[in-house]
């Protein structure tokens, strides 16, 4: 075999093995999960939002063009505790009557090892704060896994009545497991 044939075969195998993530995706709660972990009285609890939607534009070869725009229905919070869910619906917490949705927007990404990192903004109750969002994509391009660490005090969640970290922890771990649906 000539060098050109070997090089062409090698390049073809590399291109097949390396996904060229360049697409627009729609995101919804269908076969997806937007979850979080918090603490009450030092005990962890898990919750999730039943309804969210949005879009993701991602191109591995043009990471600066990456864009996320996600809306979260704050009325759809579920922590597997009716009492806790009712508390989260008050004006001290999510206040979904006046602020029915939160908004997550990220522009650009950078590679960090096997993952990507995007500088984003999260708006809850008309308070917008920066968030670092770490994510990875499945090899088949069908799933996005991500995480962020938030300090609920940054959004004044809980107000003065719940500001004691020993009562309700300040740190909230957000986890994302999203099925990507081609928007094309």
Protein backbone atom coordinates (compact mmCIF):
# COMPACT_ATOMS: atom_id res chain seq x y z
CA UNK A 1 0.00 0.00 0.00
CA UNK A 2 1.16 3.46 -0.76
CA UNK A 3 1.67 6.12 1.88
CA UNK A 4 -1.32 8.09 0.54
CA UNK A 5 -3.67 5.14 0.90
CA UNK A 6 -2.46 4.45 4.46
CA UNK A 7 -2.77 8.15 5.36
CA UNK A 8 -6.27 8.32 3.86
CA UNK A 9 -7.37 5.21 5.78
CA UNK A 10 -5.88 6.58 9.01
CA UNK A 11 -7.52 9.98 8.54
CA UNK A 12 -10.85 8.32 7.76
CA UNK A 13 -10.66 6.30 10.99
CA UNK A 14 -9.81 9.41 13.01
CA UNK A 15 -12.73 11.34 11.53
CA UNK A 16 -15.12 8.47 12.22
CA UNK A 17 -13.88 8.07 15.80
CA UNK A 18 -13.86 11.78 16.67
CA UNK A 19 -17.33 13.28 16.72
CA UNK A 20 -17.64 16.64 15.02
CA UNK A 21 -20.24 18.14 17.36
CA UNK A 22 -21.68 20.94 15.35
CA UNK A 23 -25.39 21.28 15.69
CA UNK A 24 -28.36 23.03 17.19
CA UNK A 25 -30.42 21.12 19.71
CA UNK A 26 -33.69 21.60 21.48
CA UNK A 27 -33.92 20.66 25.12
CA UNK A 28 -36.93 19.59 27.14
CA UNK A 29 -37.76 17.52 30.17
CA UNK A 30 -38.57 14.52 27.94
CA UNK A 31 -36.08 11.80 28.91
CA UNK A 32 -34.02 14.44 30.77
CA UNK A 33 -33.40 15.57 34.32
CA UNK A 34 -32.56 18.95 35.83
CA UNK A 35 -31.81 18.16 39.44
CA UNK A 36 -30.26 19.70 42.52
CA UNK A 37 -29.03 18.71 45.97
CA UNK A 38 -29.34 20.94 49.00
CA UNK A 39 -29.20 20.51 52.77
CA UNK A 40 -31.70 21.10 55.55
CA UNK A 41 -30.46 20.68 59.12
CA UNK A 42 -27.25 19.16 57.79
CA UNK A 43 -29.15 16.42 55.93
CA UNK A 44 -28.96 16.34 52.14
CA UNK A 45 -32.08 16.23 49.99
CA UNK A 46 -32.55 15.93 46.24
CA UNK A 47 -34.97 17.79 44.06
CA UNK A 48 -35.65 18.40 40.40
CA UNK A 49 -37.70 20.53 38.05
CA UNK A 50 -40.35 18.66 36.09
CA UNK A 51 -40.61 21.25 33.31
CA UNK A 52 -37.86 23.07 31.43
CA UNK A 53 -37.05 23.80 27.80
CA UNK A 54 -34.62 25.64 25.62
CA UNK A 55 -31.91 25.34 23.03
CA UNK A 56 -28.22 24.56 22.75
CA UNK A 57 -25.88 25.46 19.90
CA UNK A 58 -22.58 23.64 20.07
CA UNK A 59 -19.64 23.33 17.68
CA UNK A 60 -16.50 21.59 18.94
CA UNK A 61 -14.41 23.38 16.33
CA UNK A 62 -15.87 26.82 17.22
CA UNK A 63 -16.38 26.73 20.99
CA UNK A 64 -16.77 30.53 21.19
CA UNK A 65 -20.07 30.08 19.31
CA UNK A 66 -21.52 27.70 21.90
CA UNK A 67 -24.77 28.99 23.35
CA UNK A 68 -27.24 27.66 25.90
CA UNK A 69 -30.61 29.23 26.59
CA UNK A 70 -32.82 27.32 29.03
CA UNK A 71 -36.07 28.32 30.76
CA UNK A 72 -37.05 26.53 33.96
CA UNK A 73 -40.63 26.41 35.20
CA UNK A 74 -40.21 27.24 38.90
CA UNK A 75 -43.71 25.92 39.68
CA UNK A 76 -42.53 22.45 38.68
CA UNK A 77 -40.07 21.97 41.57
CA UNK A 78 -40.31 18.56 43.24
CA UNK A 79 -38.24 17.60 46.29
CA UNK A 80 -40.34 14.58 47.26
CA UNK A 81 -41.61 16.58 50.26
CA UNK A 82 -44.89 18.47 50.10
CA UNK A 83 -43.85 20.68 53.01
CA UNK A 84 -40.52 21.59 51.41
CA UNK A 85 -42.14 22.18 48.00
CA UNK A 86 -44.71 24.51 49.58
CA UNK A 87 -41.90 26.43 51.32
CA UNK A 88 -40.02 26.79 48.01
CA UNK A 89 -43.17 28.32 46.47
CA UNK A 90 -43.18 31.22 48.96
CA UNK A 91 -41.93 34.74 48.26
CA UNK A 92 -38.80 34.05 50.35
CA UNK A 93 -37.72 31.31 47.98
CA UNK A 94 -38.71 30.85 44.30
CA UNK A 95 -41.89 32.98 44.40
CA UNK A 96 -43.32 31.34 41.25
CA UNK A 97 -46.51 33.42 41.36
CA UNK A 98 -44.51 36.57 40.58
CA UNK A 99 -41.51 34.88 38.91
CA UNK A 100 -42.76 31.74 37.13
CA UNK A 101 -39.51 30.95 35.35
CA UNK A 102 -35.77 31.06 35.81
CA UNK A 103 -33.42 31.57 32.88
CA UNK A 104 -29.99 30.06 32.23
CA UNK A 105 -27.88 31.57 29.45
CA UNK A 106 -24.32 30.63 28.52
CA UNK A 107 -22.23 32.01 25.69
CA UNK A 108 -19.01 30.33 24.64
CA UNK A 109 -17.17 27.36 26.07
CA UNK A 110 -13.63 26.20 26.59
CA UNK A 111 -12.15 22.75 26.77
CA UNK A 112 -10.90 21.45 30.13
CA UNK A 113 -9.62 17.90 29.77
CA UNK A 114 -12.49 15.66 28.68
CA UNK A 115 -15.07 18.31 29.60
CA UNK A 116 -16.15 21.80 28.64
CA UNK A 117 -16.65 24.84 30.81
CA UNK A 118 -19.01 27.71 30.03
CA UNK A 119 -19.39 31.02 31.80
CA UNK A 120 -23.11 31.49 32.21
CA UNK A 121 -25.72 33.62 33.92
CA UNK A 122 -28.61 32.29 35.95
CA UNK A 123 -31.61 34.53 36.59
CA UNK A 124 -33.93 33.61 39.46
CA UNK A 125 -36.54 36.09 40.72
CA UNK A 126 -35.07 38.85 38.54
CA UNK A 127 -31.64 38.42 40.16
CA UNK A 128 -28.94 37.49 37.66
CA UNK A 129 -25.61 36.07 38.80
CA UNK A 130 -22.66 34.41 37.06
CA UNK A 131 -22.36 30.63 37.12
CA UNK A 132 -19.68 28.29 35.84
CA UNK A 133 -21.26 25.34 34.04
CA UNK A 134 -19.16 22.21 33.48
CA UNK A 135 -20.45 19.73 30.89
CA UNK A 136 -19.64 16.80 28.65
CA UNK A 137 -21.35 15.22 25.67
CA UNK A 138 -21.95 11.54 25.09
CA UNK A 139 -19.99 9.94 22.27
CA UNK A 140 -23.13 9.61 20.16
CA UNK A 141 -24.06 13.28 20.69
CA UNK A 142 -27.44 12.40 22.17
CA UNK A 143 -26.88 13.40 25.82
CA UNK A 144 -25.37 16.29 27.72
CA UNK A 145 -24.24 15.82 31.33
CA UNK A 146 -23.44 18.91 33.35
CA UNK A 147 -23.07 20.41 36.78
CA UNK A 148 -22.75 23.71 38.61
CA UNK A 149 -22.25 24.72 42.21
CA UNK A 150 -24.41 27.61 43.41
CA UNK A 151 -24.62 29.64 46.58
CA UNK A 152 -28.34 30.25 47.14
CA UNK A 153 -27.55 33.43 49.12
CA UNK A 154 -26.29 35.02 45.87
CA UNK A 155 -29.93 35.02 44.67
CA UNK A 156 -31.28 35.92 48.14
CA UNK A 157 -33.12 32.60 48.23
CA UNK A 158 -34.56 32.06 51.68
CA UNK A 159 -34.25 35.69 52.70
CA UNK A 160 -33.21 36.63 56.22
CA UNK A 161 -35.40 33.99 57.86
CA UNK A 162 -33.45 31.13 56.30
CA UNK A 163 -29.97 32.67 56.08
CA UNK A 164 -28.43 30.45 58.80
CA UNK A 165 -26.38 27.84 56.93
CA UNK A 166 -26.89 25.32 59.75
CA UNK A 167 -30.64 25.47 59.13
CA UNK A 168 -30.53 25.46 55.30
CA UNK A 169 -27.18 24.99 53.56
CA UNK A 170 -25.99 27.75 51.27
CA UNK A 171 -24.38 25.43 48.71
CA UNK A 172 -26.60 23.84 46.08
CA UNK A 173 -25.24 21.28 43.63
CA UNK A 174 -27.03 21.35 40.28
CA UNK A 175 -26.88 18.32 37.99
CA UNK A 176 -28.07 18.06 34.42
CA UNK A 177 -28.67 14.96 32.31
CA UNK A 178 -30.32 16.12 29.11
CA UNK A 179 -31.38 14.26 26.00
CA UNK A 180 -30.52 16.40 22.99
CA UNK A 181 -33.08 16.61 20.20
CA UNK A 182 -31.85 17.89 16.85
CA UNK A 183 -33.39 21.30 16.15
CA UNK A 184 -32.73 21.04 12.44
